[in-house]
Amino acid sequence: MDFDNIKRISRKVLLGTEKVLLTPLSWGYGAGVWLRNTAFNIGLLKEEAFEVPVVSIGNVTVGGTGKTPHVEYIISRLGRRYNIAVLSRGYKRRTKGFVMASDNLTPVDLGDEPYQIYHKFRGLIDVAVCENRCKGIEALLKVNPDIDLILLDDALQHRYVKPKVNVVMIDYNRPPFDDKLLPLGQLREPADRILKCDMVVVTKCPDDIKPVDLRMFKEHLELFKYQQLYFSKIRYGAPEPVFPIGNPELTSLNWLDKDDLLLGVAGIANPRPFTKYLRQFGTRLKVIHYDDHHTYSRADFSYIFKMLKELEGRRKYIITTEKDAVRILNSPYFPPTRRDQIYFIPIQADFLNYEDRDFIYELQALISAQN
């Protein structure tokens, strides 16, 4: 009996059954999205514009398109030209309403991504969280009337705010033209919502991407001529200790060899690029994957160190993502005696020189344009 063939047939049957069950739900979800967007388009639901320029940075898919590195890229390039404020919902925070970031707050109060942005650019920008973005903008401007640019993180679906510039992020590895609406696929909105945005950024492009691949992706998107298209990739930095320690042992992954062990820990939406990056160094590798925005418990750390002990390796290190590092650093459960064993990989967005377009230059032009 060919068990591999039986497994393949069983998988096809399960996928076919799942598609049959989920397709009506996807249609119902799509109808709800269409009704909501139509209500905004005809004025039944109101969009509010603000005198201060607002840049919305969002996506049409569920999680993992690299919004935070691109928000940080904009801050790093424009933070000394504008008085920037970042406003986020603060996903999975335990607080409610408007909260202004400050040194005494934790990821539990703000959410991990706003906390990360605040501490990376402390003193240069303002960061706040609020479920209601209109109220959040009003509160921000009361706290600091000198703010002259607001970045709305993950706000494409929050149409109560009418942004000056709409930026949409698309994961190169999960193109929307090959996807379906939730729950059948990963789309939060129909792919044609991209056509309503000013700037389109295709993120997480592979290092070896060819000009023909860029042209084919552009053709599939079928954008309008006035829409500006950019391609970017994630650039990984040298490992840094999660906890401040003197003379960290691991300063580069390049000097590790096949006898060493990396235990990757990732609580992000799409761990595949992180895993692929770690795999290229030729060490022994094991990756533990948790849900996006995972809150680490005592049991989680017990399991992680149990795995570290059981796995073989001459030198052993725990490697996590920059977003996970924020949560782990603030966890009361991480063993103090093991702090020298865990490192994170910082990441940055890096734009490709596609058609000689400069993302920041053209973003500034849109911000400054008269309506």
Protein backbone atom coordinates (compact mmCIF):
# COMPACT_ATOMS: atom_id res chain seq x y z
CA MET A 1 0.00 0.00 0.00
CA ASP A 2 1.38 3.42 -1.01
CA PHE A 3 0.95 5.42 2.20
CA ASP A 4 2.50 8.59 0.69
CA ASN A 5 -0.12 8.53 -2.06
CA ILE A 6 -2.89 8.00 0.48
CA LYS A 7 -1.59 10.99 2.48
CA ARG A 8 -1.55 13.17 -0.63
CA ILE A 9 -5.12 12.18 -1.53
CA SER A 10 -6.29 12.75 2.06
CA ARG A 11 -4.68 16.20 2.08
CA LYS A 12 -6.43 17.14 -1.16
CA VAL A 13 -9.78 15.95 0.21
CA LEU A 14 -9.27 17.97 3.42
CA LEU A 15 -8.28 21.08 1.47
CA GLY A 16 -11.27 20.68 -0.81
CA THR A 17 -13.63 20.27 2.16
CA GLU A 18 -12.11 23.30 3.87
CA LYS A 19 -12.57 25.39 0.72
CA VAL A 20 -16.23 24.35 0.42
CA LEU A 21 -16.88 25.28 4.07
CA LEU A 22 -14.96 28.55 4.07
CA THR A 23 -16.06 29.96 0.71
CA PRO A 24 -19.55 31.08 1.91
CA LEU A 25 -17.97 32.66 4.99
CA SER A 26 -15.53 34.51 2.74
CA TRP A 27 -18.42 35.78 0.61
CA GLY A 28 -20.24 36.96 3.73
CA TYR A 29 -17.11 38.70 5.01
CA GLY A 30 -16.61 40.36 1.62
CA ALA A 31 -20.20 41.60 1.59
CA GLY A 32 -19.70 43.19 5.00
CA VAL A 33 -16.49 44.92 3.86
CA TRP A 34 -18.22 46.16 0.70
CA LEU A 35 -21.17 47.59 2.66
CA ARG A 36 -18.86 49.38 5.07
CA ASN A 37 -16.68 50.88 2.34
CA THR A 38 -19.78 51.91 0.36
CA ALA A 39 -21.14 53.67 3.45
CA PHE A 40 -17.93 55.72 3.61
CA ASN A 41 -17.89 56.35 -0.15
CA ILE A 42 -21.43 57.79 -0.21
CA GLY A 43 -21.06 59.70 3.05
CA LEU A 44 -23.23 57.66 5.41
CA LEU A 45 -20.12 57.14 7.51
CA LYS A 46 -17.97 60.25 7.84
CA GLU A 47 -14.25 60.65 7.28
CA GLU A 48 -12.53 63.38 9.27
CA ALA A 49 -9.61 65.33 7.82
CA PHE A 50 -7.10 67.21 9.96
CA GLU A 51 -5.00 70.32 9.33
CA VAL A 52 -1.89 68.41 10.37
CA PRO A 53 -0.76 66.04 7.57
CA VAL A 54 -1.59 62.43 8.36
CA VAL A 55 0.21 59.52 6.68
CA SER A 56 -1.58 56.17 6.99
CA ILE A 57 0.59 53.05 6.74
CA GLY A 58 -1.36 49.82 6.42
CA ASN A 59 -2.00 46.66 4.46
CA VAL A 60 -4.80 44.64 2.91
CA THR A 61 -3.66 41.32 4.37
CA VAL A 62 -3.49 39.86 7.87
CA GLY A 63 -0.20 40.67 9.60
CA GLY A 64 3.42 40.30 8.67
CA THR A 65 3.99 42.83 5.84
CA GLY A 66 6.73 44.78 7.63
CA LYS A 67 4.88 47.95 8.59
CA THR A 68 6.94 48.70 11.70
CA PRO A 69 10.39 48.71 9.97
CA HIS A 70 8.96 51.08 7.36
CA VAL A 71 7.47 53.38 9.99
CA GLU A 72 10.92 53.42 11.61
CA TYR A 73 12.52 54.13 8.23
CA ILE A 74 10.29 57.19 7.75
CA ILE A 75 11.09 58.42 11.27
CA SER A 76 14.82 57.96 10.76
CA ARG A 77 14.71 60.03 7.55
CA LEU A 78 12.17 62.69 8.52
CA GLY A 79 12.41 62.84 12.32
CA ARG A 80 14.57 65.98 12.29
CA ARG A 81 12.56 67.75 9.59
CA TYR A 82 9.14 67.33 11.19
CA ASN A 83 7.73 67.11 14.70
CA ILE A 84 6.47 63.56 14.19
CA ALA A 85 3.92 61.68 16.25
CA VAL A 86 3.10 57.99 15.77
CA LEU A 87 -0.41 56.84 16.62
CA SER A 88 -1.24 53.14 16.84
CA ARG A 89 -4.10 51.06 18.12
CA GLY A 90 -1.71 49.28 20.47
CA TYR A 91 -2.60 45.71 19.57
CA LYS A 92 -2.94 43.34 22.57
CA ARG A 93 -2.28 46.04 25.16
CA ARG A 94 -4.21 45.74 28.42
CA THR A 95 -5.04 49.43 28.69
CA LYS A 96 -8.00 51.26 27.12
CA GLY A 97 -8.45 54.63 25.47
CA PHE A 98 -5.74 57.20 24.76
CA VAL A 99 -2.32 56.49 26.30
CA MET A 100 0.75 58.61 25.70
CA ALA A 101 4.03 56.68 25.70
CA SER A 102 6.43 57.44 28.54
CA ASP A 103 9.45 55.84 30.17
CA ASN A 104 7.47 54.20 32.98
CA LEU A 105 5.14 52.25 30.65
CA THR A 106 5.67 48.71 29.36
CA PRO A 107 4.54 46.73 26.27
CA VAL A 108 1.54 45.63 28.33
CA ASP A 109 0.45 49.29 28.46
CA LEU A 110 1.27 50.25 24.86
CA GLY A 111 1.61 47.11 22.78
CA ASP A 112 4.99 45.79 21.68
CA GLU A 113 5.39 47.75 18.44
CA PRO A 114 4.55 51.24 19.83
CA TYR A 115 6.81 50.47 22.81
CA GLN A 116 9.65 49.51 20.44
CA ILE A 117 9.22 52.64 18.32
CA TYR A 118 9.07 54.91 21.38
CA HIS A 119 12.26 53.54 22.92
CA LYS A 120 14.15 53.46 19.62
CA PHE A 121 13.36 57.15 18.93
CA ARG A 122 12.90 58.44 22.48
CA GLY A 123 13.21 62.21 22.62
CA LEU A 124 12.83 62.62 18.86
CA ILE A 125 9.12 61.83 18.38
CA ASP A 126 5.87 61.38 20.29
CA VAL A 127 4.14 57.99 20.42
CA ALA A 128 0.59 57.28 21.56
CA VAL A 129 -2.03 54.54 21.31
CA CYS A 130 -5.80 54.83 20.97
CA GLU A 131 -8.52 52.59 19.51
CA ASN A 132 -10.35 55.64 18.15
CA ARG A 133 -7.86 57.28 15.81
CA CYS A 134 -9.81 60.55 15.49
CA LYS A 135 -9.88 61.00 19.27
CA GLY A 136 -6.26 59.90 19.40
CA ILE A 137 -5.16 62.60 16.94
CA GLU A 138 -7.13 65.25 18.84
CA ALA A 139 -5.55 64.18 22.13
CA LEU A 140 -2.06 64.14 20.62
CA LEU A 141 -2.43 67.70 19.32
CA LYS A 142 -3.59 68.85 22.75
CA VAL A 143 -0.56 67.27 24.41
CA ASN A 144 1.84 68.71 21.81
CA PRO A 145 0.44 71.46 19.52
CA ASP A 146 3.79 71.59 17.67
CA ILE A 147 3.22 68.21 16.00
CA ASP A 148 3.26 68.75 12.22
CA LEU A 149 3.21 65.18 10.91
CA ILE A 150 1.28 62.15 12.19
CA LEU A 151 2.03 58.57 11.18
CA LEU A 152 -0.95 56.24 11.62
CA ASP A 153 0.26 52.67 12.07
CA ASP A 154 -1.97 49.93 10.59
CA ALA A 155 -4.81 52.29 9.72
CA LEU A 156 -5.87 51.43 6.17
CA GLN A 157 -9.11 49.93 7.50
CA HIS A 158 -9.72 52.81 9.93
CA ARG A 159 -11.49 55.06 7.45
CA TYR A 160 -12.86 57.51 10.01
CA VAL A 161 -9.59 59.40 9.52
CA LYS A 162 -9.02 60.84 6.04
CA PRO A 163 -5.23 60.77 5.61
CA LYS A 164 -3.22 63.16 3.48
CA VAL A 165 -1.21 60.19 2.17
CA ASN A 166 -2.21 56.51 2.10
CA VAL A 167 0.69 54.03 2.01
CA VAL A 168 -0.09 50.33 1.58
CA MET A 169 2.39 47.51 2.25
CA ILE A 170 2.34 44.26 0.25
CA ASP A 171 4.42 41.20 1.13
CA TYR A 172 6.26 40.07 -2.02
CA ASN A 173 5.89 36.46 -0.85
CA ARG A 174 2.09 36.76 -0.43
CA PRO A 175 0.85 38.73 -3.45
CA PRO A 176 -2.75 39.94 -3.09
CA PHE A 177 -3.62 39.04 -6.68
CA ASP A 178 -3.18 35.37 -5.75
CA ASP A 179 -5.09 35.60 -2.46
CA LYS A 180 -8.68 35.36 -1.18
CA LEU A 181 -10.70 37.21 1.43
CA LEU A 182 -10.78 35.99 5.01
CA PRO A 183 -11.28 33.29 6.20
CA LEU A 184 -10.55 31.49 2.92
CA GLY A 185 -7.40 33.54 2.39
CA GLN A 186 -5.38 36.28 4.08
CA LEU A 187 -7.05 39.40 2.61
CA ARG A 188 -8.67 41.82 5.05
CA GLU A 189 -10.10 43.74 2.08
CA PRO A 190 -10.48 43.07 -1.65
CA ALA A 191 -7.20 43.51 -3.53
CA ASP A 192 -8.63 46.45 -5.50
CA ARG A 193 -8.50 48.52 -2.28
CA ILE A 194 -4.83 48.97 -3.20
CA LEU A 195 -5.97 51.14 -6.12
CA LYS A 196 -7.23 53.74 -3.61
CA CYS A 197 -3.76 54.28 -2.13
CA ASP A 198 -1.17 56.88 -3.10
CA MET A 199 1.96 54.83 -2.49
CA VAL A 200 2.41 51.05 -2.79
CA VAL A 201 5.41 49.36 -1.19
CA VAL A 202 6.19 45.73 -2.03
CA THR A 203 8.13 44.52 1.01
CA LYS A 204 10.39 41.56 1.89
CA CYS A 205 11.77 41.20 -1.61
CA PRO A 206 14.50 38.52 -1.88
CA ASP A 207 18.13 39.66 -2.16
CA ASP A 208 18.50 38.00 -5.57
CA ILE A 209 15.36 39.52 -7.13
CA LYS A 210 15.74 40.25 -10.84
CA PRO A 211 14.42 43.23 -12.86
CA VAL A 212 12.07 40.90 -14.73
CA ASP A 213 10.52 39.81 -11.39
CA LEU A 214 9.88 43.45 -10.48
CA ARG A 215 8.25 44.14 -13.85
CA MET A 216 6.01 41.06 -13.61
CA PHE A 217 4.88 41.98 -10.10
CA LYS A 218 4.09 45.52 -11.26
CA GLU A 219 2.07 44.20 -14.21
CA HIS A 220 0.03 41.93 -11.93
CA LEU A 221 -0.83 44.83 -9.60
CA GLU A 222 -2.32 46.86 -12.51
CA LEU A 223 -1.88 50.17 -10.68
CA PHE A 224 -3.02 53.53 -11.99
CA LYS A 225 -0.34 55.77 -13.50
CA TYR A 226 -0.55 58.27 -10.65
CA GLN A 227 0.19 55.61 -8.03
CA GLN A 228 3.79 55.34 -6.93
CA LEU A 229 5.30 51.86 -6.62
CA TYR A 230 8.36 50.89 -4.57
CA PHE A 231 10.14 47.67 -3.67
CA SER A 232 11.97 47.07 -0.42
CA LYS A 233 13.74 44.32 1.47
CA ILE A 234 14.60 43.63 5.09
CA ARG A 235 18.22 44.19 6.10
CA TYR A 236 19.37 42.22 9.12
CA GLY A 237 21.90 43.63 11.57
CA ALA A 238 24.44 42.01 13.86
CA PRO A 239 23.03 40.22 16.93
CA GLU A 240 22.51 42.32 20.03
CA PRO A 241 21.89 41.13 23.60
CA VAL A 242 18.25 41.33 24.68
CA PHE A 243 19.37 42.30 28.19
CA PRO A 244 22.09 44.94 28.65
CA ILE A 245 25.30 43.05 29.42
CA GLY A 246 28.95 44.00 29.26
CA ASN A 247 31.17 42.35 26.63
CA PRO A 248 28.52 40.20 24.89
CA GLU A 249 29.91 36.91 23.66
CA LEU A 250 27.96 36.79 20.40
CA THR A 251 28.76 39.80 18.21
CA SER A 252 28.39 38.15 14.80
CA LEU A 253 26.75 35.03 13.38
CA ASN A 254 29.46 34.71 10.73
CA TRP A 255 32.00 33.07 13.02
CA LEU A 256 29.63 30.27 14.07
CA ASP A 257 30.09 26.85 12.48
CA LYS A 258 28.24 23.55 12.03
CA ASP A 259 29.02 22.42 15.58
CA ASP A 260 27.26 25.43 17.13
CA LEU A 261 23.55 25.67 17.86
CA LEU A 262 21.05 28.47 17.36
CA LEU A 263 17.66 28.14 19.02
CA GLY A 264 15.37 30.60 17.26
CA VAL A 265 12.36 31.97 19.14
CA ALA A 266 9.79 33.88 17.09
CA GLY A 267 6.38 35.21 18.08
CA ILE A 268 5.64 36.97 14.79
CA ALA A 269 3.05 36.53 12.05
CA ASN A 270 5.44 35.13 9.46
CA PRO A 271 8.62 33.53 10.85
CA ARG A 272 9.82 32.13 7.52
CA PRO A 273 12.15 35.02 6.54
CA PHE A 274 13.66 35.02 10.06
CA THR A 275 14.21 31.25 9.87
CA LYS A 276 15.67 31.52 6.35
CA TYR A 277 18.10 34.18 7.53
CA LEU A 278 19.34 32.07 10.45
CA ARG A 279 19.67 28.97 8.28
CA GLN A 280 22.23 30.58 5.95
CA PHE A 281 24.94 30.53 8.63
CA GLY A 282 25.27 26.75 8.50
CA THR A 283 24.85 26.09 12.21
CA ARG A 284 22.53 23.60 13.82
CA LEU A 285 19.17 25.33 13.98
CA LYS A 286 15.90 24.74 15.82
CA VAL A 287 13.08 27.31 15.74
CA ILE A 288 10.21 27.60 18.21
CA HIS A 289 7.29 29.55 16.76
CA TYR A 290 4.60 31.26 18.84
CA ASP A 291 1.60 33.31 17.73
CA ASP A 292 2.09 36.92 16.69
CA HIS A 293 2.44 39.30 19.67
CA HIS A 294 2.83 36.33 22.02
CA THR A 295 3.10 37.14 25.73
CA TYR A 296 5.80 34.89 27.20
CA SER A 297 4.95 32.94 30.34
CA ARG A 298 7.08 31.16 32.91
CA ALA A 299 6.15 27.87 31.23
CA ASP A 300 7.35 29.19 27.86
CA PHE A 301 10.80 30.00 29.20
CA SER A 302 10.98 26.65 30.99
CA TYR A 303 10.26 24.93 27.68
CA ILE A 304 12.77 27.09 25.77
CA PHE A 305 15.60 26.32 28.19
CA LYS A 306 14.63 22.65 28.30
CA MET A 307 14.99 22.56 24.51
CA LEU A 308 18.29 24.41 24.72
CA LYS A 309 19.63 21.84 27.19
CA GLU A 310 18.49 18.84 25.14
CA LEU A 311 19.81 20.04 21.78
CA GLU A 312 23.43 19.36 20.91
CA GLY A 313 25.90 22.11 20.15
CA ARG A 314 29.39 23.20 21.10
CA ARG A 315 28.19 26.75 21.70
CA LYS A 316 24.47 27.42 22.19
CA TYR A 317 22.58 30.68 21.79
CA ILE A 318 18.95 31.75 21.78
CA ILE A 319 18.17 34.11 18.90
CA THR A 320 14.90 36.03 18.77
CA THR A 321 13.35 38.81 16.70
CA GLU A 322 13.50 42.49 17.55
CA LYS A 323 9.76 42.53 18.29
CA ASP A 324 10.02 39.51 20.60
CA ALA A 325 13.00 41.10 22.38
CA VAL A 326 10.75 43.92 23.57
CA ARG A 327 8.39 41.48 25.27
CA ILE A 328 11.11 39.25 26.67
CA LEU A 329 13.06 42.21 28.08
CA ASN A 330 9.99 43.28 30.04
CA SER A 331 8.94 39.80 31.16
CA PRO A 332 9.23 39.05 34.89
CA TYR A 333 9.66 35.34 34.13
CA PHE A 334 12.95 35.29 32.22
CA PRO A 335 15.63 33.70 34.47
CA PRO A 336 18.14 36.43 35.47
CA THR A 337 21.02 33.95 35.42
CA ARG A 338 20.42 33.13 31.73
CA ARG A 339 20.35 36.68 30.37
CA ASP A 340 23.72 36.34 28.67
CA GLN A 341 22.40 33.56 26.41
CA ILE A 342 19.69 35.42 24.46
CA TYR A 343 20.20 37.82 21.55
CA PHE A 344 17.98 39.49 18.98
CA ILE A 345 18.49 40.41 15.33
CA PRO A 346 17.69 44.08 14.59
CA ILE A 347 16.09 44.76 11.22
CA GLN A 348 15.76 47.75 8.90
CA ALA A 349 13.79 48.45 5.74
CA ASP A 350 15.99 48.97 2.72
CA PHE A 351 14.45 50.33 -0.50
CA LEU A 352 15.53 48.97 -3.89
CA ASN A 353 16.55 51.42 -6.58
CA TYR A 354 13.48 50.68 -8.70
CA GLU A 355 13.09 53.05 -11.67
CA ASP A 356 15.28 55.56 -9.78
CA ARG A 357 12.43 56.37 -7.40
CA ASP A 358 13.14 57.85 -3.99
CA PHE A 359 10.46 56.90 -1.46
CA ILE A 360 11.20 59.66 1.06
CA TYR A 361 11.51 62.42 -1.57
CA GLU A 362 8.17 61.49 -3.11
CA LEU A 363 6.51 61.03 0.28
CA GLN A 364 7.58 64.55 1.25
CA ALA A 365 6.16 65.89 -2.01
CA LEU A 366 2.78 64.31 -1.26
CA ILE A 367 2.84 65.60 2.33
CA SER A 368 3.56 69.13 1.13
CA ALA A 369 1.14 69.12 -1.82
CA GLN A 370 -1.81 71.49 -1.72
CA ASN A 371 -5.20 69.78 -1.72
